Amino acid sequence: MSDAKAEAPAGDKKATPAEGKKKSKLPLIIIIAVVVLGAGGGAAYWKLRPVPPATGADGKPAEGHGGAAESSEKHPGGVVSFEPFLVNLTGGGGQTYLRVTLKLLVESEEDAKLLQESEVAKAKMRSAMLEVLAMQTADALVTAEGKAELKKALVHQLSALKQKQEVRDVLFSDFVVQF
């Protein structure tokens, strides 16, 4: 009887355990896909979630938070758009330049419309902004403080034009410094 295994016909092959069914990789692929999609969803939520303003112990907005945003919400103002500026910067021997697209925030929509439609006013403002931009250095512009100083200088230069419409803020929508 022990010879029964040995006497099995040659055509009747039985699979050895090593040659058994190959395990499917489908569960592993599903697990990896769920983890990747979950991580992506978590990252998107973290990046896009609304952030409440910082509050102090008394429940009021902390100093430096909410002041400008609240005044902007009360008086939304108008926006004047400009074509991108491309300017050689000082101190680089003509090898460094700034490409910036900016918008000006003015008191009202009517003011913005008047400025946008007036070729003379836009040309004067663009010229004044080019003067300020051309005096900048690349080293100063790559810092947050440098950008803040540039905004202040632009607002100051534009207010010197003595127009009826006052520029409240400068908004950068594109800012590239090439070394």
N, C-alpha and C. Protein backbone atom coordinates (compact mmCIF):
# COMPACT_ATOMS: atom_id res chain seq x y z
N MET A 1 0.80 -1.18 0.00
CA MET A 1 0.00 0.00 0.00
C MET A 1 0.85 1.26 0.00
N SER A 2 1.96 1.14 0.55
CA SER A 2 2.83 2.28 0.51
C SER A 2 3.34 2.52 -0.89
N ASP A 3 3.21 1.51 -1.75
CA ASP A 3 3.65 1.65 -3.12
C ASP A 3 2.58 2.33 -3.99
N ALA A 4 1.40 2.64 -3.45
CA ALA A 4 0.34 3.25 -4.22
C ALA A 4 0.74 4.64 -4.69
N LYS A 5 1.44 5.33 -3.87
CA LYS A 5 1.89 6.65 -4.27
C LYS A 5 2.96 6.54 -5.34
N ALA A 6 3.79 5.56 -5.17
CA ALA A 6 4.89 5.39 -6.12
C ALA A 6 4.39 4.88 -7.45
N GLU A 7 3.27 4.19 -7.46
CA GLU A 7 2.76 3.60 -8.69
C GLU A 7 1.83 4.54 -9.44
N ALA A 8 1.68 5.74 -9.05
CA ALA A 8 0.79 6.68 -9.74
C ALA A 8 1.31 6.90 -11.14
N PRO A 9 0.40 6.91 -12.11
CA PRO A 9 0.81 7.08 -13.49
C PRO A 9 1.54 8.42 -13.68
N ALA A 10 2.43 8.44 -14.65
CA ALA A 10 3.25 9.61 -14.91
C ALA A 10 2.41 10.79 -15.40
N GLY A 11 1.32 10.57 -16.08
CA GLY A 11 0.47 11.63 -16.60
C GLY A 11 -0.36 12.29 -15.52
N ASP A 12 -0.51 11.67 -14.36
CA ASP A 12 -1.33 12.21 -13.27
C ASP A 12 -0.43 12.97 -12.29
N LYS A 13 -0.11 14.17 -12.67
CA LYS A 13 0.77 14.98 -11.82
C LYS A 13 -0.07 15.73 -10.81
N LYS A 14 0.37 15.68 -9.60
CA LYS A 14 -0.26 16.46 -8.54
C LYS A 14 0.65 17.64 -8.23
N ALA A 15 0.03 18.76 -7.94
CA ALA A 15 0.81 19.97 -7.66
C ALA A 15 1.46 19.84 -6.30
N THR A 16 2.70 20.23 -6.27
CA THR A 16 3.41 20.25 -4.99
C THR A 16 3.06 21.57 -4.31
N PRO A 17 3.25 21.66 -3.03
CA PRO A 17 2.90 22.90 -2.32
C PRO A 17 3.62 24.13 -2.90
N ALA A 18 4.81 23.99 -3.39
CA ALA A 18 5.54 25.13 -3.95
C ALA A 18 4.91 25.60 -5.25
N GLU A 19 4.26 24.71 -5.96
CA GLU A 19 3.64 25.06 -7.23
C GLU A 19 2.16 25.40 -7.07
N GLY A 20 1.68 25.61 -5.86
CA GLY A 20 0.27 25.89 -5.59
C GLY A 20 -0.17 27.20 -6.23
N LYS A 21 -1.40 27.57 -5.94
CA LYS A 21 -1.96 28.80 -6.50
C LYS A 21 -1.08 29.98 -6.12
N LYS A 22 -0.90 30.88 -7.10
CA LYS A 22 -0.18 32.11 -6.79
C LYS A 22 -1.15 33.04 -6.07
N LYS A 23 -0.65 33.69 -5.02
CA LYS A 23 -1.51 34.60 -4.26
C LYS A 23 -1.78 35.84 -5.09
N SER A 24 -3.00 36.32 -5.04
CA SER A 24 -3.39 37.51 -5.80
C SER A 24 -2.81 38.76 -5.13
N LYS A 25 -2.35 39.72 -5.94
CA LYS A 25 -1.80 40.97 -5.43
C LYS A 25 -2.88 42.05 -5.33
N LEU A 26 -4.10 41.69 -5.68
CA LEU A 26 -5.20 42.65 -5.67
C LEU A 26 -5.44 43.25 -4.28
N PRO A 27 -5.48 42.48 -3.20
CA PRO A 27 -5.70 43.12 -1.89
C PRO A 27 -4.58 44.12 -1.53
N LEU A 28 -3.36 43.80 -1.86
CA LEU A 28 -2.25 44.71 -1.59
C LEU A 28 -2.40 46.00 -2.39
N ILE A 29 -2.79 45.90 -3.64
CA ILE A 29 -2.99 47.08 -4.49
C ILE A 29 -4.13 47.94 -3.94
N ILE A 30 -5.20 47.31 -3.49
CA ILE A 30 -6.34 48.04 -2.94
C ILE A 30 -5.92 48.78 -1.66
N ILE A 31 -5.17 48.14 -0.81
CA ILE A 31 -4.72 48.77 0.43
C ILE A 31 -3.84 49.98 0.13
N ILE A 32 -2.91 49.83 -0.80
CA ILE A 32 -2.03 50.94 -1.17
C ILE A 32 -2.84 52.09 -1.76
N ALA A 33 -3.80 51.79 -2.61
CA ALA A 33 -4.63 52.84 -3.23
C ALA A 33 -5.43 53.59 -2.17
N VAL A 34 -6.00 52.87 -1.19
CA VAL A 34 -6.77 53.50 -0.13
C VAL A 34 -5.88 54.41 0.71
N VAL A 35 -4.67 53.96 1.04
CA VAL A 35 -3.75 54.78 1.83
C VAL A 35 -3.34 56.04 1.07
N VAL A 36 -3.02 55.90 -0.23
CA VAL A 36 -2.61 57.06 -1.03
C VAL A 36 -3.76 58.05 -1.17
N LEU A 37 -4.95 57.57 -1.47
CA LEU A 37 -6.10 58.46 -1.61
C LEU A 37 -6.45 59.12 -0.28
N GLY A 38 -6.35 58.39 0.81
CA GLY A 38 -6.61 58.97 2.13
C GLY A 38 -5.61 60.05 2.47
N ALA A 39 -4.35 59.80 2.19
CA ALA A 39 -3.31 60.81 2.47
C ALA A 39 -3.53 62.05 1.59
N GLY A 40 -3.87 61.85 0.34
CA GLY A 40 -4.14 62.98 -0.55
C GLY A 40 -5.34 63.79 -0.09
N GLY A 41 -6.38 63.11 0.33
CA GLY A 41 -7.57 63.80 0.82
C GLY A 41 -7.28 64.56 2.10
N GLY A 42 -6.51 63.95 2.99
CA GLY A 42 -6.13 64.63 4.23
C GLY A 42 -5.28 65.86 3.96
N ALA A 43 -4.33 65.75 3.03
CA ALA A 43 -3.48 66.90 2.67
C ALA A 43 -4.32 68.01 2.05
N ALA A 44 -5.25 67.66 1.18
CA ALA A 44 -6.11 68.66 0.55
C ALA A 44 -6.98 69.36 1.60
N TYR A 45 -7.52 68.61 2.54
CA TYR A 45 -8.32 69.22 3.59
C TYR A 45 -7.46 70.17 4.43
N TRP A 46 -6.27 69.73 4.82
CA TRP A 46 -5.40 70.54 5.65
C TRP A 46 -5.02 71.84 4.95
N LYS A 47 -4.76 71.76 3.65
CA LYS A 47 -4.34 72.94 2.90
C LYS A 47 -5.51 73.89 2.62
N LEU A 48 -6.70 73.38 2.38
CA LEU A 48 -7.83 74.19 1.95
C LEU A 48 -8.82 74.54 3.06
N ARG A 49 -8.59 74.06 4.27
CA ARG A 49 -9.55 74.31 5.35
C ARG A 49 -9.53 75.79 5.74
N PRO A 50 -10.65 76.32 6.16
CA PRO A 50 -10.67 77.71 6.61
C PRO A 50 -9.97 77.82 7.96
N VAL A 51 -9.17 78.84 8.12
CA VAL A 51 -8.43 79.04 9.36
C VAL A 51 -9.08 80.19 10.12
N PRO A 52 -9.57 79.92 11.33
CA PRO A 52 -10.18 81.01 12.10
C PRO A 52 -9.11 81.99 12.55
N PRO A 53 -9.48 83.27 12.69
CA PRO A 53 -8.48 84.24 13.14
C PRO A 53 -8.03 83.93 14.56
N ALA A 54 -6.79 84.26 14.86
CA ALA A 54 -6.26 84.04 16.20
C ALA A 54 -6.97 84.99 17.16
N THR A 55 -7.33 84.47 18.33
CA THR A 55 -8.01 85.30 19.31
C THR A 55 -7.19 85.35 20.58
N GLY A 56 -7.34 86.44 21.29
CA GLY A 56 -6.66 86.60 22.56
C GLY A 56 -7.47 85.96 23.67
N ALA A 57 -7.05 86.15 24.92
CA ALA A 57 -7.74 85.57 26.06
C ALA A 57 -9.14 86.16 26.23
N ASP A 58 -9.34 87.40 25.77
CA ASP A 58 -10.64 88.05 25.92
C ASP A 58 -11.61 87.70 24.80
N GLY A 59 -11.18 86.87 23.83
CA GLY A 59 -12.06 86.46 22.74
C GLY A 59 -12.05 87.39 21.55
N LYS A 60 -11.32 88.52 21.66
CA LYS A 60 -11.21 89.46 20.56
C LYS A 60 -10.04 89.06 19.67
N PRO A 61 -10.05 89.48 18.40
CA PRO A 61 -8.93 89.13 17.53
C PRO A 61 -7.61 89.61 18.12
N ALA A 62 -6.60 88.75 18.00
CA ALA A 62 -5.28 89.10 18.52
C ALA A 62 -4.72 90.26 17.72
N GLU A 63 -3.77 90.97 18.33
CA GLU A 63 -3.17 92.12 17.67
C GLU A 63 -2.51 91.68 16.38
N GLY A 64 -2.76 92.41 15.32
CA GLY A 64 -2.17 92.07 14.02
C GLY A 64 -3.05 91.13 13.21
N HIS A 65 -4.16 90.66 13.78
CA HIS A 65 -5.05 89.76 13.06
C HIS A 65 -6.42 90.40 12.95
N GLY A 66 -6.98 90.35 11.79
CA GLY A 66 -8.37 90.77 11.62
C GLY A 66 -8.55 92.23 11.36
N GLY A 67 -7.62 93.09 11.70
CA GLY A 67 -7.81 94.52 11.53
C GLY A 67 -7.96 94.90 10.07
N ALA A 68 -7.00 94.53 9.24
CA ALA A 68 -7.06 94.87 7.82
C ALA A 68 -8.17 94.08 7.13
N ALA A 69 -8.35 92.83 7.53
CA ALA A 69 -9.37 92.02 6.89
C ALA A 69 -10.76 92.56 7.20
N GLU A 70 -10.97 93.00 8.45
CA GLU A 70 -12.28 93.53 8.80
C GLU A 70 -12.56 94.82 8.06
N SER A 71 -11.56 95.70 7.93
CA SER A 71 -11.80 96.95 7.21
C SER A 71 -12.02 96.69 5.74
N SER A 72 -11.36 95.66 5.19
CA SER A 72 -11.57 95.32 3.78
C SER A 72 -12.97 94.76 3.55
N GLU A 73 -13.49 94.02 4.53
CA GLU A 73 -14.83 93.46 4.38
C GLU A 73 -15.89 94.56 4.46
N LYS A 74 -15.65 95.57 5.30
CA LYS A 74 -16.62 96.66 5.41
C LYS A 74 -16.64 97.49 4.14
N HIS A 75 -15.48 97.75 3.56
CA HIS A 75 -15.33 98.54 2.34
C HIS A 75 -14.51 97.71 1.34
N PRO A 76 -15.17 96.88 0.54
CA PRO A 76 -14.41 95.98 -0.33
C PRO A 76 -13.52 96.70 -1.33
N GLY A 77 -13.91 97.84 -1.85
CA GLY A 77 -13.07 98.59 -2.79
C GLY A 77 -13.08 97.99 -4.17
N GLY A 78 -12.24 98.56 -5.01
CA GLY A 78 -12.13 98.11 -6.39
C GLY A 78 -10.70 97.73 -6.71
N VAL A 79 -10.52 97.02 -7.80
CA VAL A 79 -9.21 96.52 -8.19
C VAL A 79 -8.87 97.03 -9.58
N VAL A 80 -7.64 97.56 -9.73
CA VAL A 80 -7.13 98.01 -11.02
C VAL A 80 -6.01 97.05 -11.42
N SER A 81 -6.17 96.39 -12.56
CA SER A 81 -5.18 95.41 -13.01
C SER A 81 -4.20 96.03 -14.00
N PHE A 82 -2.98 95.51 -14.01
CA PHE A 82 -1.95 95.96 -14.92
C PHE A 82 -1.33 94.77 -15.64
N GLU A 83 -0.78 95.04 -16.81
CA GLU A 83 -0.01 94.03 -17.53
C GLU A 83 1.22 93.71 -16.69
N PRO A 84 1.83 92.54 -16.87
CA PRO A 84 3.03 92.20 -16.09
C PRO A 84 4.17 93.19 -16.35
N PHE A 85 4.94 93.45 -15.31
CA PHE A 85 6.12 94.31 -15.40
C PHE A 85 7.34 93.40 -15.51
N LEU A 86 8.30 93.79 -16.36
CA LEU A 86 9.58 93.09 -16.46
C LEU A 86 10.65 94.16 -16.34
N VAL A 87 11.43 94.10 -15.25
CA VAL A 87 12.34 95.19 -14.91
C VAL A 87 13.72 94.63 -14.57
N ASN A 88 14.78 95.28 -15.10
CA ASN A 88 16.14 94.96 -14.66
C ASN A 88 16.32 95.55 -13.27
N LEU A 89 16.92 94.75 -12.39
CA LEU A 89 17.14 95.21 -11.02
C LEU A 89 18.53 95.81 -10.87
N THR A 90 18.70 96.68 -9.88
CA THR A 90 20.01 97.29 -9.66
C THR A 90 20.93 96.32 -8.94
N GLY A 91 22.23 96.54 -9.12
CA GLY A 91 23.21 95.74 -8.41
C GLY A 91 23.53 94.41 -9.05
N GLY A 92 22.93 94.06 -10.13
CA GLY A 92 23.20 92.77 -10.75
C GLY A 92 23.93 92.90 -12.07
N GLY A 93 24.33 94.09 -12.44
CA GLY A 93 25.01 94.27 -13.72
C GLY A 93 24.13 93.95 -14.90
N GLY A 94 22.84 94.15 -14.77
CA GLY A 94 21.92 93.87 -15.88
C GLY A 94 21.59 92.39 -16.00
N GLN A 95 22.06 91.58 -15.05
CA GLN A 95 21.83 90.14 -15.12
C GLN A 95 20.66 89.67 -14.27
N THR A 96 20.15 90.53 -13.40
CA THR A 96 19.01 90.14 -12.56
C THR A 96 17.80 90.96 -12.97
N TYR A 97 16.65 90.30 -12.92
CA TYR A 97 15.43 91.02 -13.28
C TYR A 97 14.27 90.54 -12.44
N LEU A 98 13.23 91.34 -12.46
CA LEU A 98 12.00 91.06 -11.73
C LEU A 98 10.85 91.01 -12.72
N ARG A 99 10.05 89.96 -12.61
CA ARG A 99 8.80 89.88 -13.37
C ARG A 99 7.69 89.84 -12.34
N VAL A 100 6.83 90.86 -12.37
CA VAL A 100 5.78 90.96 -11.37
C VAL A 100 4.47 91.38 -12.04
N THR A 101 3.41 90.75 -11.63
CA THR A 101 2.06 91.15 -12.03
C THR A 101 1.40 91.65 -10.76
N LEU A 102 0.86 92.85 -10.83
CA LEU A 102 0.26 93.40 -9.62
C LEU A 102 -1.08 94.05 -9.92
N LYS A 103 -1.82 94.22 -8.85
CA LYS A 103 -3.12 94.88 -8.91
C LYS A 103 -3.17 95.90 -7.80
N LEU A 104 -3.86 96.98 -8.06
CA LEU A 104 -3.99 98.03 -7.06
C LEU A 104 -5.39 97.98 -6.46
N LEU A 105 -5.45 98.07 -5.15
CA LEU A 105 -6.73 98.12 -4.45
C LEU A 105 -7.05 99.58 -4.17
N VAL A 106 -8.18 100.05 -4.72
CA VAL A 106 -8.60 101.44 -4.53
C VAL A 106 -9.89 101.48 -3.72
N GLU A 107 -10.33 102.68 -3.40
CA GLU A 107 -11.43 102.88 -2.47
C GLU A 107 -12.75 102.23 -2.92
N SER A 108 -13.12 102.36 -4.20
CA SER A 108 -14.42 101.85 -4.63
C SER A 108 -14.35 101.28 -6.05
N GLU A 109 -15.40 100.58 -6.42
CA GLU A 109 -15.50 100.03 -7.77
C GLU A 109 -15.53 101.15 -8.82
N GLU A 110 -16.18 102.26 -8.48
CA GLU A 110 -16.25 103.39 -9.42
C GLU A 110 -14.86 103.96 -9.67
N ASP A 111 -14.06 104.09 -8.60
CA ASP A 111 -12.69 104.58 -8.75
C ASP A 111 -11.88 103.64 -9.63
N ALA A 112 -12.05 102.36 -9.40
CA ALA A 112 -11.31 101.36 -10.19
C ALA A 112 -11.70 101.46 -11.66
N LYS A 113 -12.97 101.62 -11.91
CA LYS A 113 -13.45 101.71 -13.29
C LYS A 113 -12.89 102.96 -13.98
N LEU A 114 -12.88 104.10 -13.26
CA LEU A 114 -12.33 105.33 -13.83
C LEU A 114 -10.84 105.18 -14.16
N LEU A 115 -10.09 104.58 -13.26
CA LEU A 115 -8.66 104.39 -13.50
C LEU A 115 -8.40 103.40 -14.63
N GLN A 116 -9.19 102.34 -14.66
CA GLN A 116 -9.00 101.31 -15.68
C GLN A 116 -9.28 101.86 -17.08
N GLU A 117 -10.24 102.75 -17.20
CA GLU A 117 -10.62 103.29 -18.50
C GLU A 117 -9.78 104.48 -18.94
N SER A 118 -9.07 105.12 -18.02
CA SER A 118 -8.26 106.28 -18.35
C SER A 118 -6.85 105.86 -18.74
N GLU A 119 -6.53 105.98 -20.03
CA GLU A 119 -5.20 105.61 -20.51
C GLU A 119 -4.12 106.49 -19.89
N VAL A 120 -4.42 107.78 -19.71
CA VAL A 120 -3.44 108.71 -19.14
C VAL A 120 -3.13 108.32 -17.70
N ALA A 121 -4.16 108.06 -16.89
CA ALA A 121 -3.95 107.71 -15.49
C ALA A 121 -3.18 106.39 -15.37
N LYS A 122 -3.54 105.41 -16.20
CA LYS A 122 -2.83 104.13 -16.14
C LYS A 122 -1.37 104.29 -16.57
N ALA A 123 -1.12 105.11 -17.58
CA ALA A 123 0.26 105.32 -18.03
C ALA A 123 1.09 106.01 -16.95
N LYS A 124 0.51 106.99 -16.27
CA LYS A 124 1.21 107.68 -15.18
C LYS A 124 1.51 106.72 -14.03
N MET A 125 0.52 105.90 -13.68
CA MET A 125 0.72 104.95 -12.58
C MET A 125 1.76 103.90 -12.95
N ARG A 126 1.70 103.41 -14.18
CA ARG A 126 2.67 102.39 -14.62
C ARG A 126 4.08 102.98 -14.61
N SER A 127 4.23 104.21 -15.07
CA SER A 127 5.53 104.85 -15.07
C SER A 127 6.07 105.02 -13.64
N ALA A 128 5.19 105.46 -12.74
CA ALA A 128 5.61 105.65 -11.35
C ALA A 128 6.02 104.31 -10.72
N MET A 129 5.29 103.25 -11.03
CA MET A 129 5.63 101.94 -10.48
C MET A 129 6.93 101.41 -11.06
N LEU A 130 7.17 101.66 -12.36
CA LEU A 130 8.42 101.22 -12.98
C LEU A 130 9.63 101.90 -12.33
N GLU A 131 9.49 103.18 -11.98
CA GLU A 131 10.58 103.89 -11.31
C GLU A 131 10.93 103.22 -9.98
N VAL A 132 9.92 102.84 -9.22
CA VAL A 132 10.17 102.20 -7.93
C VAL A 132 10.75 100.80 -8.13
N LEU A 133 10.18 100.04 -9.07
CA LEU A 133 10.64 98.67 -9.29
C LEU A 133 12.09 98.62 -9.77
N ALA A 134 12.48 99.56 -10.62
CA ALA A 134 13.83 99.55 -11.18
C ALA A 134 14.89 99.89 -10.14
N MET A 135 14.52 100.48 -9.01
CA MET A 135 15.48 100.82 -7.96
C MET A 135 15.72 99.69 -6.97
N GLN A 136 15.02 98.57 -7.14
CA GLN A 136 15.11 97.47 -6.18
C GLN A 136 16.31 96.57 -6.48
N THR A 137 16.75 95.83 -5.45
CA THR A 137 17.80 94.82 -5.62
C THR A 137 17.20 93.44 -5.43
N ALA A 138 17.79 92.47 -6.08
CA ALA A 138 17.28 91.10 -6.00
C ALA A 138 17.35 90.56 -4.58
N ASP A 139 18.45 90.86 -3.87
CA ASP A 139 18.62 90.36 -2.51
C ASP A 139 17.51 90.85 -1.58
N ALA A 140 17.09 92.09 -1.76
CA ALA A 140 16.03 92.63 -0.90
C ALA A 140 14.67 92.04 -1.25
N LEU A 141 14.43 91.79 -2.52
CA LEU A 141 13.10 91.34 -2.95
C LEU A 141 12.79 89.89 -2.62
N VAL A 142 13.79 89.08 -2.35
CA VAL A 142 13.52 87.68 -2.07
C VAL A 142 13.10 87.44 -0.62
N THR A 143 13.11 88.49 0.20
CA THR A 143 12.66 88.35 1.58
C THR A 143 11.25 88.90 1.73
N ALA A 144 10.56 88.43 2.74
CA ALA A 144 9.20 88.92 3.01
C ALA A 144 9.23 90.40 3.37
N GLU A 145 10.25 90.80 4.13
CA GLU A 145 10.36 92.21 4.51
C GLU A 145 10.59 93.08 3.28
N GLY A 146 11.38 92.58 2.32
CA GLY A 146 11.63 93.33 1.10
C GLY A 146 10.37 93.53 0.28
N LYS A 147 9.54 92.51 0.21
CA LYS A 147 8.27 92.63 -0.52
C LYS A 147 7.34 93.62 0.18
N ALA A 148 7.32 93.58 1.51
CA ALA A 148 6.48 94.52 2.26
C ALA A 148 6.96 95.96 2.05
N GLU A 149 8.27 96.16 2.06
CA GLU A 149 8.81 97.50 1.81
C GLU A 149 8.50 97.97 0.39
N LEU A 150 8.55 97.03 -0.56
CA LEU A 150 8.21 97.37 -1.94
C LEU A 150 6.76 97.83 -2.04
N LYS A 151 5.86 97.12 -1.37
CA LYS A 151 4.45 97.53 -1.37
C LYS A 151 4.30 98.95 -0.83
N LYS A 152 4.97 99.23 0.29
CA LYS A 152 4.88 100.57 0.89
C LYS A 152 5.42 101.63 -0.06
N ALA A 153 6.54 101.32 -0.70
CA ALA A 153 7.14 102.29 -1.63
C ALA A 153 6.23 102.54 -2.82
N LEU A 154 5.59 101.49 -3.33
CA LEU A 154 4.67 101.66 -4.46
C LEU A 154 3.47 102.50 -4.08
N VAL A 155 2.89 102.23 -2.91
CA VAL A 155 1.73 103.01 -2.45
C VAL A 155 2.14 104.47 -2.26
N HIS A 156 3.33 104.70 -1.67
CA HIS A 156 3.81 106.07 -1.46
C HIS A 156 4.00 106.79 -2.80
N GLN A 157 4.62 106.12 -3.76
CA GLN A 157 4.88 106.72 -5.08
C GLN A 157 3.56 107.03 -5.80
N LEU A 158 2.60 106.12 -5.70
CA LEU A 158 1.31 106.34 -6.37
C LEU A 158 0.51 107.45 -5.70
N SER A 159 0.64 107.59 -4.39
CA SER A 159 -0.09 108.67 -3.71
C SER A 159 0.52 110.02 -4.05
N ALA A 160 1.79 110.03 -4.46
CA ALA A 160 2.45 111.29 -4.84
C ALA A 160 1.93 111.81 -6.18
N LEU A 161 1.21 110.99 -6.92
CA LEU A 161 0.66 111.42 -8.21
C LEU A 161 -0.51 112.39 -8.04
N LYS A 162 -1.02 112.50 -6.83
CA LYS A 162 -2.12 113.44 -6.52
C LYS A 162 -3.35 113.20 -7.38
N GLN A 163 -3.78 111.95 -7.42
CA GLN A 163 -5.01 111.62 -8.15
C GLN A 163 -6.18 111.65 -7.18
N LYS A 164 -7.38 111.71 -7.73
CA LYS A 164 -8.57 111.68 -6.90
C LYS A 164 -8.70 110.32 -6.22
N GLN A 165 -8.33 109.27 -6.94
CA GLN A 165 -8.48 107.92 -6.44
C GLN A 165 -7.24 107.54 -5.61
N GLU A 166 -7.47 107.18 -4.37
CA GLU A 166 -6.38 106.81 -3.48
C GLU A 166 -6.13 105.30 -3.56
N VAL A 167 -4.86 104.92 -3.68
CA VAL A 167 -4.48 103.51 -3.70
C VAL A 167 -4.31 103.05 -2.26
N ARG A 168 -5.09 102.03 -1.87
CA ARG A 168 -5.04 101.53 -0.49
C ARG A 168 -4.02 100.43 -0.32
N ASP A 169 -3.82 99.60 -1.35
CA ASP A 169 -2.90 98.48 -1.21
C ASP A 169 -2.43 98.03 -2.58
N VAL A 170 -1.31 97.33 -2.59
CA VAL A 170 -0.76 96.72 -3.80
C VAL A 170 -0.80 95.22 -3.59
N LEU A 171 -1.37 94.50 -4.54
CA LEU A 171 -1.49 93.05 -4.45
C LEU A 171 -0.64 92.40 -5.53
N PHE A 172 0.25 91.50 -5.14
CA PHE A 172 1.07 90.78 -6.10
C PHE A 172 0.37 89.49 -6.49
N SER A 173 0.22 89.26 -7.78
CA SER A 173 -0.37 87.99 -8.22
C SER A 173 0.69 87.11 -8.89
N ASP A 174 1.84 87.69 -9.22
CA ASP A 174 2.95 86.94 -9.81
C ASP A 174 4.21 87.68 -9.41
N PHE A 175 5.22 86.98 -8.89
CA PHE A 175 6.42 87.65 -8.40
C PHE A 175 7.61 86.72 -8.61
N VAL A 176 8.44 87.02 -9.60
CA VAL A 176 9.59 86.17 -9.92
C VAL A 176 10.84 87.03 -9.97
N VAL A 177 11.86 86.66 -9.21
CA VAL A 177 13.16 87.32 -9.25
C VAL A 177 14.14 86.36 -9.90
N GLN A 178 14.75 86.79 -10.98
CA GLN A 178 15.73 85.96 -11.72
C GLN A 178 17.12 86.48 -11.39
N PHE A 179 17.98 85.59 -10.90
CA PHE A 179 19.37 85.95 -10.59
C PHE A 179 20.25 85.66 -11.78
